[in-house]
Each structure stands twice: as C-alpha cells, then as structure tokens.
Amino acid sequence: MPDVFVDVRDAAHLAGVSARTVTRWLTENRLQRYRSGSLTRINRSELLSFIEPRLAPARRRKDRHA
C-alpha cells in the first residue's frame, strides 16, 4: 500500500490537536517532516503511530466512565 501524506491541518484533525501543536511537534523533531517544494507533509501512518500512545490513556479513562 502506498504511503499517504497529510498536511498540517489534516494531521491536527486526525490527532485531535491544533495545527500549532502539530507544527511544534515538527519543530521539535518529534514527527518527521516531508517537503514538497514549500509544502510540509506528514506520513499518515507515522502520525497515527506517534499519537497512539497519547490516545491510550484517554481511552482508558473514557472506558472506565462508560
């Protein structure tokens, strides 16, 4: 399956954070940045792997209260 790339706004939506947070992750080299000319793209599968550990605690809390 080919790699799918998203822009910062779409990455923020997928992660449930602001575009500013995604930009900070890129600046801090916590996420890999791919450039196409002046455009910044993020590999979708890398993003999902990056945010999965951060989502797990919230899911556990949510499941306890369900």
C-alpha atoms as a PDB file:
ATOM      1  CA  MET A   1       0.000   0.000   0.000  1.00  0.00           C
ATOM      2  CA  PRO A   2       1.454   3.392  -0.942  1.00  0.00           C
ATOM      3  CA  ASP A   3       2.283   5.935   1.714  1.00  0.00           C
ATOM      4  CA  VAL A   4      -0.393   8.533   2.376  1.00  0.00           C
ATOM      5  CA  PHE A   5       0.695  12.034   3.326  1.00  0.00           C
ATOM      6  CA  VAL A   6      -1.388  14.715   5.002  1.00  0.00           C
ATOM      7  CA  ASP A   7      -0.875  18.416   5.550  1.00  0.00           C
ATOM      8  CA  VAL A   8      -0.544  20.039   8.974  1.00  0.00           C
ATOM      9  CA  ARG A   9      -4.241  20.918   9.198  1.00  0.00           C
ATOM     10  CA  ASP A  10      -5.360  17.380   8.397  1.00  0.00           C
ATOM     11  CA  ALA A  11      -2.755  15.938  10.784  1.00  0.00           C
ATOM     12  CA  ALA A  12      -4.102  18.177  13.541  1.00  0.00           C
ATOM     13  CA  HIS A  13      -7.634  16.979  12.848  1.00  0.00           C
ATOM     14  CA  LEU A  14      -6.564  13.316  12.952  1.00  0.00           C
ATOM     15  CA  ALA A  15      -4.648  13.862  16.200  1.00  0.00           C
ATOM     16  CA  GLY A  16      -7.368  15.942  17.843  1.00  0.00           C
ATOM     17  CA  VAL A  17      -4.997  18.848  18.461  1.00  0.00           C
ATOM     18  CA  SER A  18      -4.406  22.276  16.969  1.00  0.00           C
ATOM     19  CA  ALA A  19      -2.304  22.884  13.872  1.00  0.00           C
ATOM     20  CA  ARG A  20       0.027  24.851  16.133  1.00  0.00           C
ATOM     21  CA  THR A  21       0.652  21.707  18.214  1.00  0.00           C
ATOM     22  CA  VAL A  22       1.479  19.682  15.094  1.00  0.00           C
ATOM     23  CA  THR A  23       3.836  22.449  13.955  1.00  0.00           C
ATOM     24  CA  ARG A  24       5.533  22.343  17.362  1.00  0.00           C
ATOM     25  CA  TRP A  25       5.952  18.556  17.096  1.00  0.00           C
ATOM     26  CA  LEU A  26       7.602  19.078  13.704  1.00  0.00           C
ATOM     27  CA  THR A  27       9.864  21.852  15.018  1.00  0.00           C
ATOM     28  CA  GLU A  28      10.891  19.675  17.974  1.00  0.00           C
ATOM     29  CA  ASN A  29      11.610  16.792  15.531  1.00  0.00           C
ATOM     30  CA  ARG A  30       9.081  14.600  17.302  1.00  0.00           C
ATOM     31  CA  LEU A  31       7.427  13.982  13.921  1.00  0.00           C
ATOM     32  CA  GLN A  32       9.143  13.514  10.568  1.00  0.00           C
ATOM     33  CA  ARG A  33       8.529  16.349   8.110  1.00  0.00           C
ATOM     34  CA  TYR A  34       8.394  15.677   4.380  1.00  0.00           C
ATOM     35  CA  ARG A  35       8.625  18.595   1.998  1.00  0.00           C
ATOM     36  CA  SER A  36       7.312  19.011  -1.485  1.00  0.00           C
ATOM     37  CA  GLY A  37       8.621  22.390  -2.540  1.00  0.00           C
ATOM     38  CA  SER A  38       7.379  24.762   0.141  1.00  0.00           C
ATOM     39  CA  LEU A  39       4.628  22.389   1.309  1.00  0.00           C
ATOM     40  CA  THR A  40       5.010  20.364   4.502  1.00  0.00           C
ATOM     41  CA  ARG A  41       3.529  16.884   4.584  1.00  0.00           C
ATOM     42  CA  ILE A  42       3.349  14.230   7.300  1.00  0.00           C
ATOM     43  CA  ASN A  43       3.173  10.494   6.704  1.00  0.00           C
ATOM     44  CA  ARG A  44      -0.260   9.428   7.965  1.00  0.00           C
ATOM     45  CA  SER A  45       0.863   6.059   9.345  1.00  0.00           C
ATOM     46  CA  GLU A  46       3.796   7.705  11.183  1.00  0.00           C
ATOM     47  CA  LEU A  47       1.397  10.251  12.664  1.00  0.00           C
ATOM     48  CA  LEU A  48      -1.006   7.544  13.842  1.00  0.00           C
ATOM     49  CA  SER A  49       1.883   5.592  15.407  1.00  0.00           C
ATOM     50  CA  PHE A  50       3.057   8.772  17.117  1.00  0.00           C
ATOM     51  CA  ILE A  51      -0.329   9.683  18.599  1.00  0.00           C
ATOM     52  CA  GLU A  52      -1.484   6.153  19.554  1.00  0.00           C
ATOM     53  CA  PRO A  53       0.379   6.092  22.927  1.00  0.00           C
ATOM     54  CA  ARG A  54      -1.007   9.534  23.697  1.00  0.00           C
ATOM     55  CA  LEU A  55      -4.575   8.409  22.978  1.00  0.00           C
ATOM     56  CA  ALA A  56      -4.409   5.215  25.038  1.00  0.00           C
ATOM     57  CA  PRO A  57      -4.640   6.910  28.495  1.00  0.00           C
ATOM     58  CA  ALA A  58      -7.639   8.972  27.380  1.00  0.00           C
ATOM     59  CA  ARG A  59      -9.360   5.858  26.050  1.00  0.00           C
ATOM     60  CA  ARG A  60      -8.766   4.025  29.331  1.00  0.00           C
ATOM     61  CA  ARG A  61     -10.289   6.907  31.304  1.00  0.00           C
ATOM     62  CA  LYS A  62     -13.229   7.078  28.911  1.00  0.00           C
ATOM     63  CA  ASP A  63     -13.826   3.306  29.157  1.00  0.00           C
ATOM     64  CA  ARG A  64     -13.860   3.430  32.975  1.00  0.00           C
ATOM     65  CA  HIS A  65     -16.636   6.017  32.956  1.00  0.00           C
ATOM     66  CA  ALA A  66     -18.771   4.290  30.346  1.00  0.00           C
END
